């Protein structure tokens, strides 16, 4: 799942590809904003991204995507 974080006064957003659930990420973001603490997100490669809660402008949590294997047509079932 892709997570985009907009940082206040910074033109580029931080993008993290994570295996966490949307609910888990939303809970972490809410806690970081409420407590003005660090938002700590682990990406799918094991890297950790830290963002100060006071600097977060917005967070866009993408839908979980299913990985397709093979060369056949994609079905949305």
PDB file of N, CA and C in Angstrom:
ATOM      1  N   UNK A   1       0.853  -1.156   0.000  1.00  0.00           N
ATOM      2  CA  UNK A   1       0.000   0.000   0.000  1.00  0.00           C
ATOM      3  C   UNK A   1       0.902   1.222   0.000  1.00  0.00           C
ATOM      4  N   UNK A   2       0.509   2.236  -0.748  1.00  0.00           N
ATOM      5  CA  UNK A   2       1.285   3.467  -0.839  1.00  0.00           C
ATOM      6  C   UNK A   2       0.756   4.506   0.150  1.00  0.00           C
ATOM      7  N   UNK A   3       1.688   5.123   0.874  1.00  0.00           N
ATOM      8  CA  UNK A   3       1.344   6.171   1.829  1.00  0.00           C
ATOM      9  C   UNK A   3       2.085   7.429   1.412  1.00  0.00           C
ATOM     10  N   UNK A   4       1.351   8.516   1.193  1.00  0.00           N
ATOM     11  CA  UNK A   4       1.953   9.801   0.837  1.00  0.00           C
ATOM     12  C   UNK A   4       1.791  10.752   2.011  1.00  0.00           C
ATOM     13  N   UNK A   5       2.909  11.379   2.409  1.00  0.00           N
ATOM     14  CA  UNK A   5       2.893  12.292   3.544  1.00  0.00           C
ATOM     15  C   UNK A   5       3.354  13.661   3.071  1.00  0.00           C
ATOM     16  N   UNK A   6       2.497  14.642   3.234  1.00  0.00           N
ATOM     17  CA  UNK A   6       2.848  16.021   2.919  1.00  0.00           C
ATOM     18  C   UNK A   6       3.429  16.685   4.157  1.00  0.00           C
ATOM     19  N   UNK A   7       4.606  17.274   4.009  1.00  0.00           N
ATOM     20  CA  UNK A   7       5.283  17.935   5.114  1.00  0.00           C
ATOM     21  C   UNK A   7       5.079  19.444   4.966  1.00  0.00           C
ATOM     22  N   UNK A   8       4.753  20.109   6.064  1.00  0.00           N
ATOM     23  CA  UNK A   8       4.546  21.555   6.041  1.00  0.00           C
ATOM     24  C   UNK A   8       5.801  22.260   5.547  1.00  0.00           C
ATOM     25  N   UNK A   9       5.626  23.236   4.669  1.00  0.00           N
ATOM     26  CA  UNK A   9       6.696  24.070   4.123  1.00  0.00           C
ATOM     27  C   UNK A   9       7.727  23.294   3.305  1.00  0.00           C
ATOM     28  N   UNK A  10       7.377  22.127   2.803  1.00  0.00           N
ATOM     29  CA  UNK A  10       8.252  21.335   1.938  1.00  0.00           C
ATOM     30  C   UNK A  10       7.460  21.010   0.672  1.00  0.00           C
ATOM     31  N   UNK A  11       8.066  21.276  -0.486  1.00  0.00           N
ATOM     32  CA  UNK A  11       7.351  21.112  -1.755  1.00  0.00           C
ATOM     33  C   UNK A  11       7.103  19.648  -2.120  1.00  0.00           C
ATOM     34  N   UNK A  12       8.016  18.761  -1.784  1.00  0.00           N
ATOM     35  CA  UNK A  12       7.867  17.355  -2.161  1.00  0.00           C
ATOM     36  C   UNK A  12       7.251  16.554  -1.023  1.00  0.00           C
ATOM     37  N   UNK A  13       6.486  15.540  -1.417  1.00  0.00           N
ATOM     38  CA  UNK A  13       5.890  14.675  -0.406  1.00  0.00           C
ATOM     39  C   UNK A  13       6.768  13.444  -0.182  1.00  0.00           C
ATOM     40  N   UNK A  14       6.616  12.843   0.981  1.00  0.00           N
ATOM     41  CA  UNK A  14       7.315  11.598   1.309  1.00  0.00           C
ATOM     42  C   UNK A  14       6.387  10.453   0.921  1.00  0.00           C
ATOM     43  N   UNK A  15       6.913   9.488   0.171  1.00  0.00           N
ATOM     44  CA  UNK A  15       6.112   8.346  -0.267  1.00  0.00           C
ATOM     45  C   UNK A  15       6.727   7.081   0.320  1.00  0.00           C
ATOM     46  N   UNK A  16       5.889   6.294   0.989  1.00  0.00           N
ATOM     47  CA  UNK A  16       6.326   5.050   1.613  1.00  0.00           C
ATOM     48  C   UNK A  16       5.449   3.922   1.087  1.00  0.00           C
ATOM     49  N   UNK A  17       6.070   2.847   0.626  1.00  0.00           N
ATOM     50  CA  UNK A  17       5.346   1.647   0.194  1.00  0.00           C
ATOM     51  C   UNK A  17       5.384   0.675   1.364  1.00  0.00           C
ATOM     52  N   UNK A  18       4.244   0.425   1.989  1.00  0.00           N
ATOM     53  CA  UNK A  18       4.209  -0.335   3.238  1.00  0.00           C
ATOM     54  C   UNK A  18       3.305  -1.555   3.138  1.00  0.00           C
ATOM     55  N   UNK A  19       3.592  -2.529   3.983  1.00  0.00           N
ATOM     56  CA  UNK A  19       2.755  -3.727   4.082  1.00  0.00           C
ATOM     57  C   UNK A  19       1.765  -3.629   5.244  1.00  0.00           C
ATOM     58  N   UNK A  20       1.766  -2.501   5.956  1.00  0.00           N
ATOM     59  CA  UNK A  20       0.852  -2.311   7.078  1.00  0.00           C
ATOM     60  C   UNK A  20      -0.575  -2.133   6.569  1.00  0.00           C
ATOM     61  N   UNK A  21      -1.537  -2.377   7.458  1.00  0.00           N
ATOM     62  CA  UNK A  21      -2.940  -2.194   7.081  1.00  0.00           C
ATOM     63  C   UNK A  21      -3.288  -0.705   7.137  1.00  0.00           C
ATOM     64  N   UNK A  22      -4.272  -0.261   6.361  1.00  0.00           N
ATOM     65  CA  UNK A  22      -4.686   1.137   6.415  1.00  0.00           C
ATOM     66  C   UNK A  22      -5.123   1.571   7.819  1.00  0.00           C
ATOM     67  N   UNK A  23      -5.773   0.665   8.539  1.00  0.00           N
ATOM     68  CA  UNK A  23      -6.231   0.984   9.892  1.00  0.00           C
ATOM     69  C   UNK A  23      -5.051   1.235  10.829  1.00  0.00           C
ATOM     70  N   UNK A  24      -4.010   0.424  10.700  1.00  0.00           N
ATOM     71  CA  UNK A  24      -2.812   0.574  11.524  1.00  0.00           C
ATOM     72  C   UNK A  24      -2.120   1.910  11.245  1.00  0.00           C
ATOM     73  N   UNK A  25      -2.000   2.248   9.975  1.00  0.00           N
ATOM     74  CA  UNK A  25      -1.360   3.519   9.596  1.00  0.00           C
ATOM     75  C   UNK A  25      -2.190   4.691  10.097  1.00  0.00           C
ATOM     76  N   UNK A  26      -3.495   4.622   9.937  1.00  0.00           N
ATOM     77  CA  UNK A  26      -4.372   5.702  10.392  1.00  0.00           C
ATOM     78  C   UNK A  26      -4.240   5.909  11.899  1.00  0.00           C
ATOM     79  N   UNK A  27      -4.162   4.826  12.644  1.00  0.00           N
ATOM     80  CA  UNK A  27      -4.010   4.920  14.097  1.00  0.00           C
ATOM     81  C   UNK A  27      -2.677   5.581  14.459  1.00  0.00           C
ATOM     82  N   UNK A  28      -1.592   5.178  13.786  1.00  0.00           N
ATOM     83  CA  UNK A  28      -0.277   5.762  14.051  1.00  0.00           C
ATOM     84  C   UNK A  28      -0.255   7.255  13.726  1.00  0.00           C
ATOM     85  N   UNK A  29      -0.876   7.632  12.619  1.00  0.00           N
ATOM     86  CA  UNK A  29      -0.916   9.046  12.219  1.00  0.00           C
ATOM     87  C   UNK A  29      -1.721   9.851  13.232  1.00  0.00           C
ATOM     88  N   UNK A  30      -2.862   9.343  13.635  1.00  0.00           N
ATOM     89  CA  UNK A  30      -3.698  10.039  14.614  1.00  0.00           C
ATOM     90  C   UNK A  30      -2.961  10.254  15.926  1.00  0.00           C
ATOM     91  N   UNK A  31      -2.236   9.237  16.389  1.00  0.00           N
ATOM     92  CA  UNK A  31      -1.477   9.356  17.634  1.00  0.00           C
ATOM     93  C   UNK A  31      -0.344  10.367  17.504  1.00  0.00           C
ATOM     94  N   UNK A  32       0.354  10.353  16.362  1.00  0.00           N
ATOM     95  CA  UNK A  32       1.453  11.298  16.156  1.00  0.00           C
ATOM     96  C   UNK A  32       0.947  12.735  16.115  1.00  0.00           C
ATOM     97  N   UNK A  33      -0.212  12.949  15.492  1.00  0.00           N
ATOM     98  CA  UNK A  33      -0.782  14.295  15.433  1.00  0.00           C
ATOM     99  C   UNK A  33      -1.279  14.759  16.797  1.00  0.00           C
ATOM    100  N   UNK A  34      -1.951  13.879  17.507  1.00  0.00           N
ATOM    101  CA  UNK A  34      -2.518  14.235  18.806  1.00  0.00           C
ATOM    102  C   UNK A  34      -1.435  14.506  19.851  1.00  0.00           C
ATOM    103  N   UNK A  35      -0.371  13.702  19.826  1.00  0.00           N
ATOM    104  CA  UNK A  35       0.681  13.813  20.836  1.00  0.00           C
ATOM    105  C   UNK A  35       1.879  14.638  20.383  1.00  0.00           C
ATOM    106  N   UNK A  36       1.840  15.128  19.131  1.00  0.00           N
ATOM    107  CA  UNK A  36       2.975  15.850  18.555  1.00  0.00           C
ATOM    108  C   UNK A  36       4.251  15.013  18.681  1.00  0.00           C
ATOM    109  N   UNK A  37       4.128  13.706  18.416  1.00  0.00           N
ATOM    110  CA  UNK A  37       5.253  12.778  18.515  1.00  0.00           C
ATOM    111  C   UNK A  37       5.689  12.353  17.115  1.00  0.00           C
ATOM    112  N   UNK A  38       6.678  11.483  17.052  1.00  0.00           N
ATOM    113  CA  UNK A  38       7.164  10.997  15.766  1.00  0.00           C
ATOM    114  C   UNK A  38       6.209   9.976  15.158  1.00  0.00           C
ATOM    115  N   UNK A  39       5.976  10.122  13.863  1.00  0.00           N
ATOM    116  CA  UNK A  39       5.266   9.099  13.097  1.00  0.00           C
ATOM    117  C   UNK A  39       6.337   8.162  12.569  1.00  0.00           C
ATOM    118  N   UNK A  40       6.240   6.901  12.902  1.00  0.00           N
ATOM    119  CA  UNK A  40       7.243   5.911  12.507  1.00  0.00           C
ATOM    120  C   UNK A  40       6.582   4.873  11.625  1.00  0.00           C
ATOM    121  N   UNK A  41       6.985   4.847  10.342  1.00  0.00           N
ATOM    122  CA  UNK A  41       6.413   3.908   9.383  1.00  0.00           C
ATOM    123  C   UNK A  41       7.504   3.007   8.825  1.00  0.00           C
ATOM    124  N   UNK A  42       7.240   1.712   8.776  1.00  0.00           N
ATOM    125  CA  UNK A  42       8.163   0.749   8.184  1.00  0.00           C
ATOM    126  C   UNK A  42       7.700   0.454   6.761  1.00  0.00           C
ATOM    127  N   UNK A  43       8.640   0.523   5.811  1.00  0.00           N
ATOM    128  CA  UNK A  43       8.259   0.216   4.437  1.00  0.00           C
ATOM    129  C   UNK A  43       8.415  -1.275   4.161  1.00  0.00           C
ATOM    130  N   UNK A  44       8.066  -1.692   2.955  1.00  0.00           N
ATOM    131  CA  UNK A  44       8.067  -3.116   2.615  1.00  0.00           C
ATOM    132  C   UNK A  44       9.472  -3.703   2.513  1.00  0.00           C
ATOM    133  N   UNK A  45      10.515  -2.857   2.496  1.00  0.00           N
ATOM    134  CA  UNK A  45      11.901  -3.331   2.444  1.00  0.00           C
ATOM    135  C   UNK A  45      12.556  -3.344   3.816  1.00  0.00           C
ATOM    136  N   UNK A  46      11.824  -2.912   4.848  1.00  0.00           N
ATOM    137  CA  UNK A  46      12.369  -2.903   6.194  1.00  0.00           C
ATOM    138  C   UNK A  46      12.949  -1.571   6.631  1.00  0.00           C
ATOM    139  N   UNK A  47      12.907  -0.564   5.759  1.00  0.00           N
ATOM    140  CA  UNK A  47      13.388   0.767   6.130  1.00  0.00           C
ATOM    141  C   UNK A  47      12.368   1.459   7.018  1.00  0.00           C
ATOM    142  N   UNK A  48      12.846   2.340   7.894  1.00  0.00           N
ATOM    143  CA  UNK A  48      11.970   3.089   8.792  1.00  0.00           C
ATOM    144  C   UNK A  48      11.982   4.551   8.379  1.00  0.00           C
ATOM    145  N   UNK A  49      10.807   5.151   8.243  1.00  0.00           N
ATOM    146  CA  UNK A  49      10.671   6.567   7.949  1.00  0.00           C
ATOM    147  C   UNK A  49      10.083   7.243   9.178  1.00  0.00           C
ATOM    148  N   UNK A  50      10.758   8.294   9.653  1.00  0.00           N
ATOM    149  CA  UNK A  50      10.304   9.054  10.819  1.00  0.00           C
ATOM    150  C   UNK A  50       9.901  10.447  10.375  1.00  0.00           C
ATOM    151  N   UNK A  51       8.722  10.879  10.789  1.00  0.00           N
ATOM    152  CA  UNK A  51       8.227  12.220  10.468  1.00  0.00           C
ATOM    153  C   UNK A  51       7.701  12.848  11.749  1.00  0.00           C
ATOM    154  N   UNK A  52       8.169  14.055  12.112  1.00  0.00           N
ATOM    155  CA  UNK A  52       7.632  14.717  13.305  1.00  0.00           C
ATOM    156  C   UNK A  52       6.140  15.012  13.126  1.00  0.00           C
ATOM    157  N   UNK A  53       5.346  14.665  14.117  1.00  0.00           N
ATOM    158  CA  UNK A  53       3.902  14.883  14.039  1.00  0.00           C
ATOM    159  C   UNK A  53       3.529  16.334  13.815  1.00  0.00           C
ATOM    160  N   UNK A  54       4.308  17.268  14.367  1.00  0.00           N
ATOM    161  CA  UNK A  54       4.018  18.687  14.219  1.00  0.00           C
ATOM    162  C   UNK A  54       4.258  19.182  12.792  1.00  0.00           C
ATOM    163  N   UNK A  55       5.011  18.426  11.994  1.00  0.00           N
ATOM    164  CA  UNK A  55       5.343  18.845  10.629  1.00  0.00           C
ATOM    165  C   UNK A  55       4.428  18.238   9.573  1.00  0.00           C
ATOM    166  N   UNK A  56       3.534  17.352   9.971  1.00  0.00           N
ATOM    167  CA  UNK A  56       2.664  16.677   9.004  1.00  0.00           C
ATOM    168  C   UNK A  56       1.597  17.636   8.510  1.00  0.00           C
ATOM    169  N   UNK A  57       1.543  17.801   7.180  1.00  0.00           N
ATOM    170  CA  UNK A  57       0.502  18.620   6.563  1.00  0.00           C
ATOM    171  C   UNK A  57      -0.706  17.782   6.192  1.00  0.00           C
ATOM    172  N   UNK A  58      -0.450  16.618   5.600  1.00  0.00           N
ATOM    173  CA  UNK A  58      -1.519  15.684   5.248  1.00  0.00           C
ATOM    174  C   UNK A  58      -0.930  14.293   5.074  1.00  0.00           C
ATOM    175  N   UNK A  59      -1.784  13.289   5.142  1.00  0.00           N
ATOM    176  CA  UNK A  59      -1.387  11.902   4.890  1.00  0.00           C
ATOM    177  C   UNK A  59      -2.447  11.283   3.988  1.00  0.00           C
ATOM    178  N   UNK A  60      -1.994  10.710   2.887  1.00  0.00           N
ATOM    179  CA  UNK A  60      -2.888  10.014   1.961  1.00  0.00           C
ATOM    180  C   UNK A  60      -2.566   8.527   2.037  1.00  0.00           C
ATOM    181  N   UNK A  61      -3.534   7.749   2.480  1.00  0.00           N
ATOM    182  CA  UNK A  61      -3.348   6.312   2.639  1.00  0.00           C
ATOM    183  C   UNK A  61      -4.032   5.624   1.470  1.00  0.00           C
ATOM    184  N   UNK A  62      -3.237   4.975   0.620  1.00  0.00           N
ATOM    185  CA  UNK A  62      -3.772   4.293  -0.553  1.00  0.00           C
ATOM    186  C   UNK A  62      -4.432   2.989  -0.182  1.00  0.00           C
ATOM    187  N   UNK A  63      -5.280   2.519  -1.063  1.00  0.00           N
ATOM    188  CA  UNK A  63      -5.950   1.239  -0.848  1.00  0.00           C
ATOM    189  C   UNK A  63      -4.943   0.112  -1.006  1.00  0.00           C
ATOM    190  N   UNK A  64      -5.192  -0.973  -0.298  1.00  0.00           N
ATOM    191  CA  UNK A  64      -4.330  -2.135  -0.443  1.00  0.00           C
ATOM    192  C   UNK A  64      -4.498  -2.690  -1.848  1.00  0.00           C
ATOM    193  N   UNK A  65      -3.387  -3.010  -2.486  1.00  0.00           N
ATOM    194  CA  UNK A  65      -3.438  -3.548  -3.839  1.00  0.00           C
ATOM    195  C   UNK A  65      -3.069  -5.013  -3.814  1.00  0.00           C
ATOM    196  N   UNK A  66      -3.773  -5.782  -4.622  1.00  0.00           N
ATOM    197  CA  UNK A  66      -3.439  -7.196  -4.755  1.00  0.00           C
ATOM    198  C   UNK A  66      -2.369  -7.319  -5.817  1.00  0.00           C
ATOM    199  N   UNK A  67      -1.408  -8.166  -5.579  1.00  0.00           N
ATOM    200  CA  UNK A  67      -0.338  -8.365  -6.543  1.00  0.00           C
ATOM    201  C   UNK A  67      -0.769  -9.436  -7.541  1.00  0.00           C
ATOM    202  N   UNK A  68      -0.568  -9.123  -8.820  1.00  0.00           N
ATOM    203  CA  UNK A  68      -0.931 -10.055  -9.878  1.00  0.00           C
ATOM    204  C   UNK A  68       0.330 -10.744 -10.371  1.00  0.00           C
ATOM    205  N   UNK A  69       0.219 -12.032 -10.626  1.00  0.00           N
ATOM    206  CA  UNK A  69       1.350 -12.811 -11.111  1.00  0.00           C
ATOM    207  C   UNK A  69       0.956 -13.413 -12.441  1.00  0.00           C
ATOM    208  N   UNK A  70       1.844 -13.376 -13.393  1.00  0.00           N
ATOM    209  CA  UNK A  70       1.596 -13.979 -14.694  1.00  0.00           C
ATOM    210  C   UNK A  70       1.336 -12.940 -15.763  1.00  0.00           C
ATOM    211  N   UNK A  71       1.013 -13.434 -16.941  1.00  0.00           N
ATOM    212  CA  UNK A  71       0.833 -12.555 -18.089  1.00  0.00           C
ATOM    213  C   UNK A  71      -0.599 -12.525 -18.599  1.00  0.00           C
ATOM    214  N   UNK A  72      -1.503 -13.170 -17.931  1.00  0.00           N
ATOM    215  CA  UNK A  72      -2.889 -13.208 -18.359  1.00  0.00           C
ATOM    216  C   UNK A  72      -3.606 -11.914 -18.062  1.00  0.00           C
ATOM    217  N   UNK A  73      -4.840 -11.785 -18.499  1.00  0.00           N
ATOM    218  CA  UNK A  73      -5.616 -10.574 -18.226  1.00  0.00           C
ATOM    219  C   UNK A  73      -5.898 -10.440 -16.732  1.00  0.00           C
ATOM    220  N   UNK A  74      -5.978  -9.214 -16.296  1.00  0.00           N
ATOM    221  CA  UNK A  74      -6.245  -8.935 -14.884  1.00  0.00           C
ATOM    222  C   UNK A  74      -7.748  -8.956 -14.649  1.00  0.00           C
ATOM    223  N   UNK A  75      -8.154  -9.596 -13.601  1.00  0.00           N
ATOM    224  CA  UNK A  75      -9.575  -9.582 -13.237  1.00  0.00           C
ATOM    225  C   UNK A  75      -9.704  -8.858 -11.920  1.00  0.00           C
ATOM    226  N   UNK A  76     -10.816  -8.229 -11.712  1.00  0.00           N
ATOM    227  CA  UNK A  76     -11.045  -7.432 -10.495  1.00  0.00           C
ATOM    228  C   UNK A  76     -12.071  -8.142  -9.612  1.00  0.00           C
ATOM    229  N   UNK A  77     -11.842  -9.407  -9.361  1.00  0.00           N
ATOM    230  CA  UNK A  77     -12.788 -10.166  -8.546  1.00  0.00           C
ATOM    231  C   UNK A  77     -12.233 -10.452  -7.184  1.00  0.00           C
TER     232      UNK A  77
END
